[in-house]
Amino acid sequence: MGILKRIGVIIEAIKFEHTIFALPFAFSGAVLAAKGLPTLGQSFWILLAMVGARNSAMAFNRLVDEPFDAENPRTQNRALPKRAISRNFFIGFIIVSSAVFIFSAWMLNPLTFALSFPGLAWILFYSYTKRFTALSHLVLGFSLSFAPIGAHIAIKGVIEMLPIFLGLGTMFWVAGFDILYACLDYEFDQKARLFSIPGFLGIKKALRVAVLFHVLALFFFIQTGISGGMGEIYFGGVVLVFVFLFVEHAILSPRDLSRINLSFFTMNGMVSIVLFLAILVDVLRR
């Protein structure tokens, strides 16, 4: 198999298209910091840093989870369990992606570069948390909160509260939908002794925790608007986010998770895009 084809296999394995969940939050943080559009150079390095970070984190997750993926009926057809690609190539991909992330951070500013090392360590560490804590969903959410916070730092070179509010909203949003998706592996997680909120509390209570997390996400999105002096366009976007999250939970029940893909992929993709557009238009108008 040629190198381009092997890269294509990895891109499919790590669901590269799901970058859409985090990328709008990164550019939301950049727009808030720049009080408008960042420069093309800043946008390029933020984009490259995001792609490098997510690629390395997802590929690392697939690598360390291979023994579980091989036993889980939902994941048995992934690239590594099927031996469609070697572990060594996966490792090389992780090293290159991590280097791209760190180099991009270096090209932005010294603080972004300094924080890239603990940031990378944290997002790789997440892959092990399912082995010892049901709070792994929050660890994942915290990892994605780096997107708006890191992009804001990339523009301004300092840490401020505004992107932290947006980051907290991102964290609880991600943790909430990760709980929903983990419901699909409820039985396997118990069998494999992996930790998750559904495995710990059961599906019915886990869905309630997901609702709570999304309520907290909305609270911090509102706090972002208040802290940033946002106007009616932004808060109109938050109302739409509320609608998407409401639908996301309304179409699921403990007895029927058949529409989880609609909830997970469609609704969540709309949340991140709508919030970014609301921030962008509101900031540009002011």
C-alpha atoms as a PDB file:
ATOM      1  CA  MET A   1       0.000   0.000   0.000  1.00  0.00           C
ATOM      2  CA  GLY A   2       1.422   3.400  -1.025  1.00  0.00           C
ATOM      3  CA  ILE A   3       2.042   6.116   1.528  1.00  0.00           C
ATOM      4  CA  LEU A   4      -0.797   8.319   0.261  1.00  0.00           C
ATOM      5  CA  LYS A   5      -3.236   5.436   0.483  1.00  0.00           C
ATOM      6  CA  ARG A   6      -2.054   4.642   4.017  1.00  0.00           C
ATOM      7  CA  ILE A   7      -2.538   8.271   5.035  1.00  0.00           C
ATOM      8  CA  GLY A   8      -6.024   8.077   3.537  1.00  0.00           C
ATOM      9  CA  VAL A   9      -6.760   5.009   5.672  1.00  0.00           C
ATOM     10  CA  ILE A  10      -5.661   6.885   8.803  1.00  0.00           C
ATOM     11  CA  ILE A  11      -7.673   9.992   7.859  1.00  0.00           C
ATOM     12  CA  GLU A  12     -10.761   7.789   7.572  1.00  0.00           C
ATOM     13  CA  ALA A  13      -9.913   5.960  10.806  1.00  0.00           C
ATOM     14  CA  ILE A  14      -9.640   9.133  12.860  1.00  0.00           C
ATOM     15  CA  LYS A  15     -12.804  10.629  11.316  1.00  0.00           C
ATOM     16  CA  PHE A  16     -11.021  13.744  10.088  1.00  0.00           C
ATOM     17  CA  GLU A  17     -14.350  15.315   9.131  1.00  0.00           C
ATOM     18  CA  HIS A  18     -15.251  15.562  12.824  1.00  0.00           C
ATOM     19  CA  THR A  19     -12.729  18.386  13.103  1.00  0.00           C
ATOM     20  CA  ILE A  20     -15.797  20.535  12.385  1.00  0.00           C
ATOM     21  CA  PHE A  21     -16.812  20.092  16.036  1.00  0.00           C
ATOM     22  CA  ALA A  22     -13.770  21.909  17.445  1.00  0.00           C
ATOM     23  CA  LEU A  23     -12.521  24.149  14.620  1.00  0.00           C
ATOM     24  CA  PRO A  24     -15.354  26.722  14.815  1.00  0.00           C
ATOM     25  CA  PHE A  25     -14.681  27.134  18.540  1.00  0.00           C
ATOM     26  CA  ALA A  26     -11.014  27.787  17.833  1.00  0.00           C
ATOM     27  CA  PHE A  27     -11.831  30.517  15.347  1.00  0.00           C
ATOM     28  CA  SER A  28     -14.457  31.885  17.735  1.00  0.00           C
ATOM     29  CA  GLY A  29     -11.682  32.436  20.269  1.00  0.00           C
ATOM     30  CA  ALA A  30      -9.505  34.038  17.591  1.00  0.00           C
ATOM     31  CA  VAL A  31     -12.268  36.413  16.466  1.00  0.00           C
ATOM     32  CA  LEU A  32     -12.963  37.473  20.059  1.00  0.00           C
ATOM     33  CA  ALA A  33      -9.258  38.165  20.613  1.00  0.00           C
ATOM     34  CA  ALA A  34      -8.786  40.084  17.362  1.00  0.00           C
ATOM     35  CA  LYS A  35     -12.121  41.905  17.782  1.00  0.00           C
ATOM     36  CA  GLY A  36     -12.638  41.033  14.152  1.00  0.00           C
ATOM     37  CA  LEU A  37     -10.929  38.824  11.611  1.00  0.00           C
ATOM     38  CA  PRO A  38      -7.432  37.553  12.483  1.00  0.00           C
ATOM     39  CA  THR A  39      -4.754  37.917   9.823  1.00  0.00           C
ATOM     40  CA  LEU A  40      -4.373  35.262   7.163  1.00  0.00           C
ATOM     41  CA  GLY A  41      -1.088  34.185   8.737  1.00  0.00           C
ATOM     42  CA  GLN A  42      -2.636  33.788  12.188  1.00  0.00           C
ATOM     43  CA  SER A  43      -5.622  31.927  10.724  1.00  0.00           C
ATOM     44  CA  PHE A  44      -3.329  29.561   8.823  1.00  0.00           C
ATOM     45  CA  TRP A  45      -1.229  28.618  11.859  1.00  0.00           C
ATOM     46  CA  ILE A  46      -4.294  28.254  14.095  1.00  0.00           C
ATOM     47  CA  LEU A  47      -5.857  25.954  11.500  1.00  0.00           C
ATOM     48  CA  LEU A  48      -2.661  23.919  11.192  1.00  0.00           C
ATOM     49  CA  ALA A  49      -2.285  23.697  14.986  1.00  0.00           C
ATOM     50  CA  MET A  50      -5.870  22.480  15.343  1.00  0.00           C
ATOM     51  CA  VAL A  51      -5.475  19.845  12.639  1.00  0.00           C
ATOM     52  CA  GLY A  52      -2.154  18.663  14.078  1.00  0.00           C
ATOM     53  CA  ALA A  53      -3.497  18.450  17.634  1.00  0.00           C
ATOM     54  CA  ARG A  54      -6.678  16.617  16.696  1.00  0.00           C
ATOM     55  CA  ASN A  55      -4.927  14.219  14.319  1.00  0.00           C
ATOM     56  CA  SER A  56      -2.357  13.242  16.935  1.00  0.00           C
ATOM     57  CA  ALA A  57      -4.980  12.855  19.685  1.00  0.00           C
ATOM     58  CA  MET A  58      -7.373  10.768  17.606  1.00  0.00           C
ATOM     59  CA  ALA A  59      -4.665   8.570  16.110  1.00  0.00           C
ATOM     60  CA  PHE A  60      -3.211   7.992  19.583  1.00  0.00           C
ATOM     61  CA  ASN A  61      -6.678   7.076  20.837  1.00  0.00           C
ATOM     62  CA  ARG A  62      -7.122   4.515  18.063  1.00  0.00           C
ATOM     63  CA  LEU A  63      -3.665   3.102  18.809  1.00  0.00           C
ATOM     64  CA  VAL A  64      -4.070   2.573  22.554  1.00  0.00           C
ATOM     65  CA  ASP A  65      -7.705   1.430  22.228  1.00  0.00           C
ATOM     66  CA  GLU A  66      -6.932  -1.216  19.606  1.00  0.00           C
ATOM     67  CA  PRO A  67      -7.345  -4.188  22.006  1.00  0.00           C
ATOM     68  CA  PHE A  68     -10.804  -2.941  23.044  1.00  0.00           C
ATOM     69  CA  ASP A  69     -11.822  -1.982  19.494  1.00  0.00           C
ATOM     70  CA  ALA A  70     -11.013  -5.515  18.338  1.00  0.00           C
ATOM     71  CA  GLU A  71     -13.503  -6.939  20.863  1.00  0.00           C
ATOM     72  CA  ASN A  72     -16.256  -4.329  20.493  1.00  0.00           C
ATOM     73  CA  PRO A  73     -18.764  -5.241  17.719  1.00  0.00           C
ATOM     74  CA  ARG A  74     -19.261  -1.511  16.975  1.00  0.00           C
ATOM     75  CA  THR A  75     -15.557  -0.906  16.330  1.00  0.00           C
ATOM     76  CA  GLN A  76     -14.214  -4.211  15.012  1.00  0.00           C
ATOM     77  CA  ASN A  77     -14.014  -2.856  11.469  1.00  0.00           C
ATOM     78  CA  ARG A  78     -11.671  -0.005  12.312  1.00  0.00           C
ATOM     79  CA  ALA A  79      -8.339   0.105  10.497  1.00  0.00           C
ATOM     80  CA  LEU A  80      -6.078  -1.248  13.239  1.00  0.00           C
ATOM     81  CA  PRO A  81      -8.250  -4.195  14.370  1.00  0.00           C
ATOM     82  CA  LYS A  82      -8.645  -5.179  10.711  1.00  0.00           C
ATOM     83  CA  ARG A  83      -4.862  -4.859  10.180  1.00  0.00           C
ATOM     84  CA  ALA A  84      -5.560  -2.501   7.293  1.00  0.00           C
ATOM     85  CA  ILE A  85      -2.519  -0.511   8.396  1.00  0.00           C
ATOM     86  CA  SER A  86       0.456  -1.118  10.675  1.00  0.00           C
ATOM     87  CA  ARG A  87       0.864   0.200  14.196  1.00  0.00           C
ATOM     88  CA  ASN A  88       4.260   1.636  13.218  1.00  0.00           C
ATOM     89  CA  PHE A  89       2.679   3.812  10.533  1.00  0.00           C
ATOM     90  CA  PHE A  90       0.135   5.008  13.074  1.00  0.00           C
ATOM     91  CA  ILE A  91       2.964   5.904  15.456  1.00  0.00           C
ATOM     92  CA  GLY A  92       4.773   7.807  12.713  1.00  0.00           C
ATOM     93  CA  PHE A  93       1.569   9.697  11.893  1.00  0.00           C
ATOM     94  CA  ILE A  94       1.180  10.665  15.565  1.00  0.00           C
ATOM     95  CA  ILE A  95       4.769  11.945  15.761  1.00  0.00           C
ATOM     96  CA  VAL A  96       4.414  14.031  12.590  1.00  0.00           C
ATOM     97  CA  SER A  97       1.028  15.432  13.649  1.00  0.00           C
ATOM     98  CA  SER A  98       2.374  16.357  17.086  1.00  0.00           C
ATOM     99  CA  ALA A  99       5.352  18.091  15.485  1.00  0.00           C
ATOM    100  CA  VAL A 100       2.995  20.067  13.215  1.00  0.00           C
ATOM    101  CA  PHE A 101       0.999  21.168  16.260  1.00  0.00           C
ATOM    102  CA  ILE A 102       4.049  22.279  18.241  1.00  0.00           C
ATOM    103  CA  PHE A 103       5.667  24.033  15.260  1.00  0.00           C
ATOM    104  CA  SER A 104       2.426  25.882  14.507  1.00  0.00           C
ATOM    105  CA  ALA A 105       2.206  26.993  18.142  1.00  0.00           C
ATOM    106  CA  TRP A 106       5.797  28.242  17.922  1.00  0.00           C
ATOM    107  CA  MET A 107       4.901  30.274  14.832  1.00  0.00           C
ATOM    108  CA  LEU A 108       2.083  32.028  16.721  1.00  0.00           C
ATOM    109  CA  ASN A 109       3.717  33.385  19.893  1.00  0.00           C
ATOM    110  CA  PRO A 110       5.935  32.300  22.825  1.00  0.00           C
ATOM    111  CA  LEU A 111       3.073  31.627  25.274  1.00  0.00           C
ATOM    112  CA  THR A 112       1.213  29.459  22.752  1.00  0.00           C
ATOM    113  CA  PHE A 113       4.438  27.521  22.156  1.00  0.00           C
ATOM    114  CA  ALA A 114       5.096  27.047  25.885  1.00  0.00           C
ATOM    115  CA  LEU A 115       1.550  25.807  26.497  1.00  0.00           C
ATOM    116  CA  SER A 116       1.600  23.439  23.521  1.00  0.00           C
ATOM    117  CA  PHE A 117       3.647  20.834  25.424  1.00  0.00           C
ATOM    118  CA  PRO A 118       1.357  20.358  28.466  1.00  0.00           C
ATOM    119  CA  GLY A 119      -1.630  20.756  26.135  1.00  0.00           C
ATOM    120  CA  LEU A 120      -0.436  17.914  23.911  1.00  0.00           C
ATOM    121  CA  ALA A 121       0.319  15.742  26.945  1.00  0.00           C
ATOM    122  CA  TRP A 122      -3.224  16.286  28.260  1.00  0.00           C
ATOM    123  CA  ILE A 123      -5.042  15.435  25.035  1.00  0.00           C
ATOM    124  CA  LEU A 124      -2.990  12.242  24.697  1.00  0.00           C
ATOM    125  CA  PHE A 125      -3.587  11.384  28.352  1.00  0.00           C
ATOM    126  CA  TYR A 126      -7.351  11.390  27.747  1.00  0.00           C
ATOM    127  CA  SER A 127      -7.137   8.058  25.904  1.00  0.00           C
ATOM    128  CA  TYR A 128      -6.162   6.288  29.146  1.00  0.00           C
ATOM    129  CA  THR A 129      -8.824   7.813  31.398  1.00  0.00           C
ATOM    130  CA  LYS A 130     -11.556   5.383  30.340  1.00  0.00           C
ATOM    131  CA  ARG A 131      -9.536   2.731  32.149  1.00  0.00           C
ATOM    132  CA  PHE A 132      -9.888   4.295  35.597  1.00  0.00           C
ATOM    133  CA  THR A 133     -12.529   7.063  35.807  1.00  0.00           C
ATOM    134  CA  ALA A 134     -16.091   7.672  34.632  1.00  0.00           C
ATOM    135  CA  LEU A 135     -15.167  11.360  34.420  1.00  0.00           C
ATOM    136  CA  SER A 136     -13.342  10.661  31.152  1.00  0.00           C
ATOM    137  CA  HIS A 137     -16.091  12.620  29.358  1.00  0.00           C
ATOM    138  CA  LEU A 138     -15.058  15.777  31.211  1.00  0.00           C
ATOM    139  CA  VAL A 139     -11.400  15.084  30.459  1.00  0.00           C
ATOM    140  CA  LEU A 140     -12.293  14.973  26.760  1.00  0.00           C
ATOM    141  CA  GLY A 141     -14.339  18.158  27.113  1.00  0.00           C
ATOM    142  CA  PHE A 142     -11.462  19.904  28.847  1.00  0.00           C
ATOM    143  CA  SER A 143      -9.203  18.852  25.972  1.00  0.00           C
ATOM    144  CA  LEU A 144     -11.485  20.524  23.428  1.00  0.00           C
ATOM    145  CA  SER A 145     -11.795  23.620  25.611  1.00  0.00           C
ATOM    146  CA  PHE A 146      -8.188  24.298  24.588  1.00  0.00           C
ATOM    147  CA  ALA A 147      -9.494  25.227  21.111  1.00  0.00           C
ATOM    148  CA  PRO A 148     -11.061  28.629  21.929  1.00  0.00           C
ATOM    149  CA  ILE A 149      -8.671  29.352  24.800  1.00  0.00           C
ATOM    150  CA  GLY A 150      -5.565  28.451  22.787  1.00  0.00           C
ATOM    151  CA  ALA A 151      -6.666  30.393  19.718  1.00  0.00           C
ATOM    152  CA  HIS A 152      -7.385  33.461  21.862  1.00  0.00           C
ATOM    153  CA  ILE A 153      -3.897  33.199  23.385  1.00  0.00           C
ATOM    154  CA  ALA A 154      -2.466  32.754  19.882  1.00  0.00           C
ATOM    155  CA  ILE A 155      -3.809  36.190  18.927  1.00  0.00           C
ATOM    156  CA  LYS A 156      -3.307  38.194  22.140  1.00  0.00           C
ATOM    157  CA  GLY A 157      -0.433  36.374  23.844  1.00  0.00           C
ATOM    158  CA  VAL A 158      -2.120  36.553  27.271  1.00  0.00           C
ATOM    159  CA  ILE A 159      -4.705  34.511  29.211  1.00  0.00           C
ATOM    160  CA  GLU A 160      -8.043  36.263  29.809  1.00  0.00           C
ATOM    161  CA  MET A 161     -11.393  35.259  31.318  1.00  0.00           C
ATOM    162  CA  LEU A 162     -13.485  35.732  28.158  1.00  0.00           C
ATOM    163  CA  PRO A 163     -12.095  32.684  26.296  1.00  0.00           C
ATOM    164  CA  ILE A 164     -12.167  30.699  29.549  1.00  0.00           C
ATOM    165  CA  PHE A 165     -15.955  31.164  29.719  1.00  0.00           C
ATOM    166  CA  LEU A 166     -16.208  30.010  26.096  1.00  0.00           C
ATOM    167  CA  GLY A 167     -13.850  27.142  26.892  1.00  0.00           C
ATOM    168  CA  LEU A 168     -15.997  26.025  29.826  1.00  0.00           C
ATOM    169  CA  GLY A 169     -19.055  26.098  27.590  1.00  0.00           C
ATOM    170  CA  THR A 170     -17.170  23.978  25.064  1.00  0.00           C
ATOM    171  CA  MET A 171     -16.090  21.550  27.777  1.00  0.00           C
ATOM    172  CA  PHE A 172     -19.601  20.832  29.052  1.00  0.00           C
ATOM    173  CA  TRP A 173     -21.010  20.734  25.511  1.00  0.00           C
ATOM    174  CA  VAL A 174     -18.461  18.078  24.502  1.00  0.00           C
ATOM    175  CA  ALA A 175     -18.837  16.104  27.753  1.00  0.00           C
ATOM    176  CA  GLY A 176     -22.607  16.063  27.301  1.00  0.00           C
ATOM    177  CA  PHE A 177     -22.623  14.685  23.772  1.00  0.00           C
ATOM    178  CA  ASP A 178     -19.801  12.263  24.600  1.00  0.00           C
ATOM    179  CA  ILE A 179     -22.040  10.761  27.290  1.00  0.00           C
ATOM    180  CA  LEU A 180     -24.797  10.336  24.710  1.00  0.00           C
ATOM    181  CA  TYR A 181     -22.447   8.551  22.325  1.00  0.00           C
ATOM    182  CA  ALA A 182     -21.058   6.372  25.136  1.00  0.00           C
ATOM    183  CA  CYS A 183     -24.556   4.963  25.665  1.00  0.00           C
ATOM    184  CA  LEU A 184     -23.974   2.886  22.512  1.00  0.00           C
ATOM    185  CA  ASP A 185     -21.170   1.029  24.320  1.00  0.00           C
ATOM    186  CA  TYR A 186     -23.019   0.585  27.617  1.00  0.00           C
ATOM    187  CA  GLU A 187     -22.928  -3.218  27.608  1.00  0.00           C
ATOM    188  CA  PHE A 188     -19.422  -3.515  26.194  1.00  0.00           C
ATOM    189  CA  ASP A 189     -17.955  -1.031  28.684  1.00  0.00           C
ATOM    190  CA  GLN A 190     -19.322  -3.082  31.568  1.00  0.00           C
ATOM    191  CA  LYS A 191     -17.995  -6.297  30.065  1.00  0.00           C
ATOM    192  CA  ALA A 192     -14.554  -4.801  29.353  1.00  0.00           C
ATOM    193  CA  ARG A 193     -14.480  -2.942  32.699  1.00  0.00           C
ATOM    194  CA  LEU A 194     -14.121   0.431  31.017  1.00  0.00           C
ATOM    195  CA  PHE A 195     -15.382   3.500  32.843  1.00  0.00           C
ATOM    196  CA  SER A 196     -18.118   5.801  31.576  1.00  0.00           C
ATOM    197  CA  ILE A 197     -21.117   7.671  32.968  1.00  0.00           C
ATOM    198  CA  PRO A 198     -23.580   5.288  31.241  1.00  0.00           C
ATOM    199  CA  GLY A 199     -21.670   2.283  32.583  1.00  0.00           C
ATOM    200  CA  PHE A 200     -21.574   3.751  36.085  1.00  0.00           C
ATOM    201  CA  LEU A 201     -25.098   5.180  36.371  1.00  0.00           C
ATOM    202  CA  GLY A 202     -27.038   3.346  33.678  1.00  0.00           C
ATOM    203  CA  ILE A 203     -28.397   4.843  30.458  1.00  0.00           C
ATOM    204  CA  LYS A 204     -31.440   6.572  31.968  1.00  0.00           C
ATOM    205  CA  LYS A 205     -29.440   8.531  34.567  1.00  0.00           C
ATOM    206  CA  ALA A 206     -26.614   9.142  32.092  1.00  0.00           C
ATOM    207  CA  LEU A 207     -29.030  10.924  29.756  1.00  0.00           C
ATOM    208  CA  ARG A 208     -30.008  13.181  32.670  1.00  0.00           C
ATOM    209  CA  VAL A 209     -26.348  13.984  33.364  1.00  0.00           C
ATOM    210  CA  ALA A 210     -25.904  14.854  29.678  1.00  0.00           C
ATOM    211  CA  VAL A 211     -28.842  17.271  29.965  1.00  0.00           C
ATOM    212  CA  LEU A 212     -27.228  18.852  33.051  1.00  0.00           C
ATOM    213  CA  PHE A 213     -23.913  19.271  31.228  1.00  0.00           C
ATOM    214  CA  HIS A 214     -25.636  20.935  28.291  1.00  0.00           C
ATOM    215  CA  VAL A 215     -27.496  23.291  30.623  1.00  0.00           C
ATOM    216  CA  LEU A 216     -24.100  24.250  32.073  1.00  0.00           C
ATOM    217  CA  ALA A 217     -22.764  24.718  28.534  1.00  0.00           C
ATOM    218  CA  LEU A 218     -25.580  27.142  27.761  1.00  0.00           C
ATOM    219  CA  PHE A 219     -24.887  29.000  31.019  1.00  0.00           C
ATOM    220  CA  PHE A 220     -21.246  29.529  30.057  1.00  0.00           C
ATOM    221  CA  PHE A 221     -22.159  30.493  26.482  1.00  0.00           C
ATOM    222  CA  ILE A 222     -24.451  33.152  27.954  1.00  0.00           C
ATOM    223  CA  GLN A 223     -21.685  34.239  30.325  1.00  0.00           C
ATOM    224  CA  THR A 224     -19.358  34.548  27.320  1.00  0.00           C
ATOM    225  CA  GLY A 225     -21.799  36.969  25.714  1.00  0.00           C
ATOM    226  CA  ILE A 226     -22.163  39.025  28.892  1.00  0.00           C
ATOM    227  CA  SER A 227     -18.410  39.130  29.520  1.00  0.00           C
ATOM    228  CA  GLY A 228     -17.681  40.050  25.907  1.00  0.00           C
ATOM    229  CA  GLY A 229     -20.385  42.701  25.677  1.00  0.00           C
ATOM    230  CA  MET A 230     -22.087  40.821  22.862  1.00  0.00           C
ATOM    231  CA  GLY A 231     -25.341  41.955  21.293  1.00  0.00           C
ATOM    232  CA  GLU A 232     -28.619  40.475  20.132  1.00  0.00           C
ATOM    233  CA  ILE A 233     -27.041  38.619  17.190  1.00  0.00           C
ATOM    234  CA  TYR A 234     -24.848  36.564  19.508  1.00  0.00           C
ATOM    235  CA  PHE A 235     -27.643  35.848  21.974  1.00  0.00           C
ATOM    236  CA  GLY A 236     -29.905  34.930  19.065  1.00  0.00           C
ATOM    237  CA  GLY A 237     -27.277  32.361  18.142  1.00  0.00           C
ATOM    238  CA  VAL A 238     -27.311  31.026  21.715  1.00  0.00           C
ATOM    239  CA  VAL A 239     -31.092  30.609  21.433  1.00  0.00           C
ATOM    240  CA  LEU A 240     -30.556  28.517  18.288  1.00  0.00           C
ATOM    241  CA  VAL A 241     -27.940  26.459  20.152  1.00  0.00           C
ATOM    242  CA  PHE A 242     -30.551  25.833  22.847  1.00  0.00           C
ATOM    243  CA  VAL A 243     -32.967  24.598  20.174  1.00  0.00           C
ATOM    244  CA  PHE A 244     -30.375  22.228  18.687  1.00  0.00           C
ATOM    245  CA  LEU A 245     -29.489  20.821  22.111  1.00  0.00           C
ATOM    246  CA  PHE A 246     -33.158  20.438  23.004  1.00  0.00           C
ATOM    247  CA  VAL A 247     -33.784  18.459  19.811  1.00  0.00           C
ATOM    248  CA  GLU A 248     -30.615  16.441  20.416  1.00  0.00           C
ATOM    249  CA  HIS A 249     -32.034  15.163  23.699  1.00  0.00           C
ATOM    250  CA  ALA A 250     -35.680  14.994  22.617  1.00  0.00           C
ATOM    251  CA  ILE A 251     -35.010  12.439  19.868  1.00  0.00           C
ATOM    252  CA  LEU A 252     -33.280  10.024  22.276  1.00  0.00           C
ATOM    253  CA  SER A 253     -34.624   7.853  25.066  1.00  0.00           C
ATOM    254  CA  PRO A 254     -33.205   5.025  27.214  1.00  0.00           C
ATOM    255  CA  ARG A 255     -35.210   2.563  25.122  1.00  0.00           C
ATOM    256  CA  ASP A 256     -34.436   4.051  21.711  1.00  0.00           C
ATOM    257  CA  LEU A 257     -30.930   5.243  20.781  1.00  0.00           C
ATOM    258  CA  SER A 258     -31.422   4.578  17.073  1.00  0.00           C
ATOM    259  CA  ARG A 259     -31.160   8.282  16.205  1.00  0.00           C
ATOM    260  CA  ILE A 260     -27.865   8.793  18.030  1.00  0.00           C
ATOM    261  CA  ASN A 261     -26.027   9.572  14.773  1.00  0.00           C
ATOM    262  CA  LEU A 262     -28.507  12.349  13.945  1.00  0.00           C
ATOM    263  CA  SER A 263     -28.110  13.670  17.485  1.00  0.00           C
ATOM    264  CA  PHE A 264     -24.322  13.310  17.639  1.00  0.00           C
ATOM    265  CA  PHE A 265     -23.230  14.393  14.184  1.00  0.00           C
ATOM    266  CA  THR A 266     -25.919  16.689  12.740  1.00  0.00           C
ATOM    267  CA  MET A 267     -27.061  18.568  15.836  1.00  0.00           C
ATOM    268  CA  ASN A 268     -23.564  19.009  17.277  1.00  0.00           C
ATOM    269  CA  GLY A 269     -22.133  20.165  13.978  1.00  0.00           C
ATOM    270  CA  MET A 270     -24.824  22.835  13.873  1.00  0.00           C
ATOM    271  CA  VAL A 271     -24.062  23.968  17.451  1.00  0.00           C
ATOM    272  CA  SER A 272     -20.414  24.810  16.785  1.00  0.00           C
ATOM    273  CA  ILE A 273     -21.050  26.441  13.401  1.00  0.00           C
ATOM    274  CA  VAL A 274     -24.000  28.558  14.562  1.00  0.00           C
ATOM    275  CA  LEU A 275     -22.151  29.801  17.641  1.00  0.00           C
ATOM    276  CA  PHE A 276     -19.114  30.735  15.552  1.00  0.00           C
ATOM    277  CA  LEU A 277     -21.226  32.613  12.995  1.00  0.00           C
ATOM    278  CA  ALA A 278     -23.070  34.412  15.799  1.00  0.00           C
ATOM    279  CA  ILE A 279     -19.771  35.527  17.330  1.00  0.00           C
ATOM    280  CA  LEU A 280     -18.286  36.533  13.984  1.00  0.00           C
ATOM    281  CA  VAL A 281     -21.270  38.584  12.805  1.00  0.00           C
ATOM    282  CA  ASP A 282     -21.772  40.204  16.197  1.00  0.00           C
ATOM    283  CA  VAL A 283     -18.112  41.203  16.516  1.00  0.00           C
ATOM    284  CA  LEU A 284     -17.853  42.464  12.936  1.00  0.00           C
ATOM    285  CA  ARG A 285     -21.027  44.522  13.331  1.00  0.00           C
ATOM    286  CA  ARG A 286     -19.622  46.220  16.409  1.00  0.00           C
END
